Amino acid sequence: MQSEKEKCQKDELYYANNDPELIAEREKCKVICHEYNCLTPHKQTARNNIIKRLFGKTGKNFLIEQPFYCDYGYNIEIGENFYSNVNMVILDGAKVSFGDNVFIAPNCGFYTAGHPLDVKQRNKGLEYARPITVGDNVWIGAGVSVLPGVTIGNNSVIGAGSVVNRDIPANSLAVGNPCKVIRRIDNE
């Protein structure tokens, strides 16, 4: 029989809120996030060491402003030159990958978790997790929400306040709720 964690990793419906293994992993992550958020900002080396311990993969050069919150940590990968401003939230039931030179403004969320539309399944506490991928050279404006299963292509810009519920192709300027491509970004 599959564990709830195995079901989650296979993009199947699973019970996140009553499974002892997942609850223990989230609790451990919350303790590490609390430790990170309580450090004074000038302790950059200690802050980076905590993120390296928490995340599945990091580049050498990154800065995540406090406070920061996530569910598990080990499902998060960041590339080189990653920057996120205050109040980033990553619900990482599934993998969340950021490429190189990604810049994230304040109050952004990346949410791999979702719930069934069927009320009986939802009331049982079932949910799913779908990966999020953010390419290289992406800028995400303030207050953006990125929803389960989304890929944002290289060199794209997501405008402030957007709700990204579908894939955004490379070299795009996309804004709105729901987020839509409004034009292609050219090198000129």
Protein backbone atom coordinates (compact mmCIF):
# COMPACT_ATOMS: atom_id res chain seq x y z
CA MET A 1 0.00 0.00 0.00
CA GLN A 2 1.28 3.49 -0.89
CA SER A 3 1.99 6.07 1.75
CA GLU A 4 0.29 9.46 1.54
CA LYS A 5 3.68 10.98 0.68
CA GLU A 6 4.09 8.53 -2.22
CA LYS A 7 0.61 9.41 -3.50
CA CYS A 8 1.50 13.11 -3.31
CA GLN A 9 4.70 12.55 -5.28
CA LYS A 10 2.72 10.75 -8.00
CA ASP A 11 0.22 13.62 -8.44
CA GLU A 12 -2.56 11.55 -6.85
CA LEU A 13 -5.10 12.66 -4.27
CA TYR A 14 -3.69 12.22 -0.76
CA TYR A 15 -4.43 13.07 2.86
CA ALA A 16 -2.01 15.81 3.94
CA ASN A 17 -3.57 16.88 7.22
CA ASN A 18 -3.95 13.58 9.05
CA ASP A 19 -0.84 11.69 7.92
CA PRO A 20 1.75 11.47 10.74
CA GLU A 21 4.74 11.38 8.35
CA LEU A 22 3.70 14.52 6.46
CA ILE A 23 2.67 16.33 9.64
CA ALA A 24 6.09 15.59 11.20
CA GLU A 25 7.91 16.80 8.06
CA ARG A 26 5.92 20.05 7.99
CA GLU A 27 6.53 20.60 11.70
CA LYS A 28 10.27 20.11 11.22
CA CYS A 29 10.20 22.60 8.35
CA LYS A 30 8.24 25.15 10.41
CA VAL A 31 10.87 24.95 13.15
CA ILE A 32 13.64 25.63 10.61
CA CYS A 33 11.66 28.52 9.05
CA HIS A 34 11.15 29.98 12.52
CA GLU A 35 14.88 29.73 13.20
CA TYR A 36 15.57 31.47 9.88
CA ASN A 37 13.02 34.24 10.43
CA CYS A 38 14.34 34.97 13.94
CA LEU A 39 17.93 35.58 12.85
CA THR A 40 19.02 39.19 12.63
CA PRO A 41 19.38 40.30 9.00
CA HIS A 42 23.13 40.93 9.24
CA LYS A 43 23.82 37.22 9.90
CA GLN A 44 23.81 36.43 6.20
CA THR A 45 26.12 33.41 6.38
CA ALA A 46 23.96 31.76 9.04
CA ARG A 47 20.82 32.58 7.06
CA ASN A 48 22.27 31.03 3.89
CA ASN A 49 23.36 27.92 5.80
CA ILE A 50 19.81 27.41 7.07
CA ILE A 51 18.38 27.73 3.54
CA LYS A 52 20.99 25.27 2.21
CA ARG A 53 19.95 22.84 4.95
CA LEU A 54 16.25 23.35 4.21
CA PHE A 55 16.11 23.39 0.39
CA GLY A 56 16.68 20.49 -1.97
CA LYS A 57 19.15 22.56 -4.04
CA THR A 58 20.58 26.08 -4.04
CA GLY A 59 22.99 28.07 -6.13
CA LYS A 60 25.99 29.70 -4.45
CA ASN A 61 24.64 33.25 -4.66
CA PHE A 62 21.14 33.90 -3.29
CA LEU A 63 19.23 36.10 -0.87
CA ILE A 64 15.84 35.36 0.64
CA GLU A 65 14.56 38.24 2.73
CA GLN A 66 12.79 37.46 5.98
CA PRO A 67 10.14 36.42 6.73
CA PHE A 68 9.94 33.35 4.54
CA TYR A 69 7.67 30.32 4.89
CA CYS A 70 7.37 26.90 3.25
CA ASP A 71 5.82 23.49 3.97
CA TYR A 72 8.65 21.00 3.48
CA GLY A 73 11.65 22.79 2.01
CA TYR A 74 13.25 19.74 0.41
CA ASN A 75 11.03 20.16 -2.68
CA ILE A 76 12.43 23.66 -3.40
CA GLU A 77 15.31 24.28 -5.82
CA ILE A 78 16.80 27.70 -6.58
CA GLY A 79 19.43 28.59 -9.16
CA GLU A 80 22.23 31.15 -9.13
CA ASN A 81 21.52 34.79 -8.37
CA PHE A 82 18.13 34.12 -6.79
CA TYR A 83 16.49 36.98 -4.87
CA SER A 84 13.18 37.11 -3.07
CA ASN A 85 11.87 40.03 -1.10
CA VAL A 86 9.86 39.76 2.15
CA ASN A 87 6.91 37.44 2.77
CA MET A 88 7.54 34.76 0.16
CA VAL A 89 5.43 31.65 0.78
CA ILE A 90 6.07 28.33 -0.97
CA LEU A 91 3.65 25.46 -0.38
CA ASP A 92 5.95 22.78 -1.72
CA GLY A 93 4.02 19.53 -1.56
CA ALA A 94 5.41 19.06 -5.08
CA LYS A 95 8.68 20.34 -6.51
CA VAL A 96 9.11 24.10 -6.96
CA SER A 97 12.08 24.96 -9.20
CA PHE A 98 13.50 28.40 -9.89
CA GLY A 99 16.17 28.98 -12.55
CA ASP A 100 19.07 31.41 -12.51
CA ASN A 101 18.61 35.18 -12.12
CA VAL A 102 15.09 35.00 -10.71
CA PHE A 103 13.86 38.09 -8.86
CA ILE A 104 10.72 37.96 -6.73
CA ALA A 105 9.05 41.05 -5.26
CA PRO A 106 7.34 41.16 -1.82
CA ASN A 107 4.29 39.12 -0.83
CA CYS A 108 4.47 36.42 -3.51
CA GLY A 109 3.19 32.87 -3.14
CA PHE A 110 3.91 29.66 -4.98
CA TYR A 111 1.24 27.08 -4.23
CA THR A 112 1.58 23.49 -5.44
CA ALA A 113 -1.35 22.36 -3.30
CA GLY A 114 -4.90 22.21 -4.60
CA HIS A 115 -8.18 20.60 -3.60
CA PRO A 116 -10.76 18.60 -5.56
CA LEU A 117 -13.84 20.31 -6.92
CA ASP A 118 -15.90 17.35 -5.73
CA VAL A 119 -17.28 18.38 -2.34
CA LYS A 120 -17.24 14.84 -0.90
CA GLN A 121 -13.55 14.37 -1.69
CA ARG A 122 -12.68 17.86 -0.48
CA ASN A 123 -14.58 17.37 2.80
CA LYS A 124 -12.61 14.15 3.40
CA GLY A 125 -9.46 16.30 3.45
CA LEU A 126 -8.03 15.12 0.14
CA GLU A 127 -5.70 17.34 -1.84
CA TYR A 128 -3.17 17.14 -4.65
CA ALA A 129 0.21 18.73 -5.37
CA ARG A 130 1.50 19.71 -8.81
CA PRO A 131 4.98 21.09 -9.53
CA ILE A 132 5.79 24.70 -10.35
CA THR A 133 8.70 25.63 -12.60
CA VAL A 134 10.09 29.15 -13.03
CA GLY A 135 12.73 29.53 -15.76
CA ASP A 136 15.86 31.67 -15.94
CA ASN A 137 15.85 35.49 -15.92
CA VAL A 138 12.29 35.80 -14.61
CA TRP A 139 11.00 38.79 -12.68
CA ILE A 140 7.85 38.35 -10.60
CA GLY A 141 6.12 41.52 -9.39
CA ALA A 142 4.66 42.18 -5.93
CA GLY A 143 1.70 40.19 -4.70
CA VAL A 144 1.77 37.49 -7.39
CA SER A 145 0.22 34.06 -6.76
CA VAL A 146 1.47 31.12 -8.83
CA LEU A 147 -0.90 28.13 -8.73
CA PRO A 148 -0.34 24.35 -8.99
CA GLY A 149 1.20 22.93 -12.14
CA VAL A 150 2.32 26.24 -13.69
CA THR A 151 5.50 26.76 -15.72
CA ILE A 152 6.82 30.29 -16.32
CA GLY A 153 9.22 30.41 -19.27
CA ASN A 154 12.66 32.01 -19.42
CA ASN A 155 13.03 35.80 -19.62
CA SER A 156 9.41 36.49 -18.66
CA VAL A 157 7.96 39.20 -16.43
CA ILE A 158 4.83 38.67 -14.34
CA GLY A 159 3.08 41.91 -13.39
CA ALA A 160 2.21 42.81 -9.81
CA GLY A 161 -0.98 41.33 -8.39
CA SER A 162 -1.27 38.60 -11.03
CA VAL A 163 -2.77 35.18 -10.39
CA VAL A 164 -0.88 32.75 -12.62
CA ASN A 165 -3.12 29.75 -13.21
CA ARG A 166 -1.70 28.55 -16.55
CA ASP A 167 1.69 28.28 -18.23
CA ILE A 168 3.39 31.47 -19.41
CA PRO A 169 5.67 31.07 -22.45
CA ALA A 170 9.24 32.34 -22.55
CA ASN A 171 9.92 36.01 -23.35
CA SER A 172 6.47 37.17 -22.24
CA LEU A 173 5.05 40.08 -20.29
CA ALA A 174 2.01 38.68 -18.49
CA VAL A 175 -0.39 40.36 -16.07
CA GLY A 176 -3.82 40.10 -14.51
CA ASN A 177 -6.26 37.80 -12.78
CA PRO A 178 -6.19 35.40 -14.41
CA CYS A 179 -2.71 36.17 -15.69
CA LYS A 180 -2.51 36.56 -19.48
CA VAL A 181 0.30 37.35 -21.87
CA ILE A 182 -0.08 40.94 -23.07
CA ARG A 183 2.98 41.06 -25.28
CA ARG A 184 6.21 39.39 -26.21
CA ILE A 185 9.43 40.77 -24.74
CA ASP A 186 12.03 41.39 -27.44
CA ASN A 187 15.71 42.11 -26.84
CA GLU A 188 15.24 45.63 -28.20
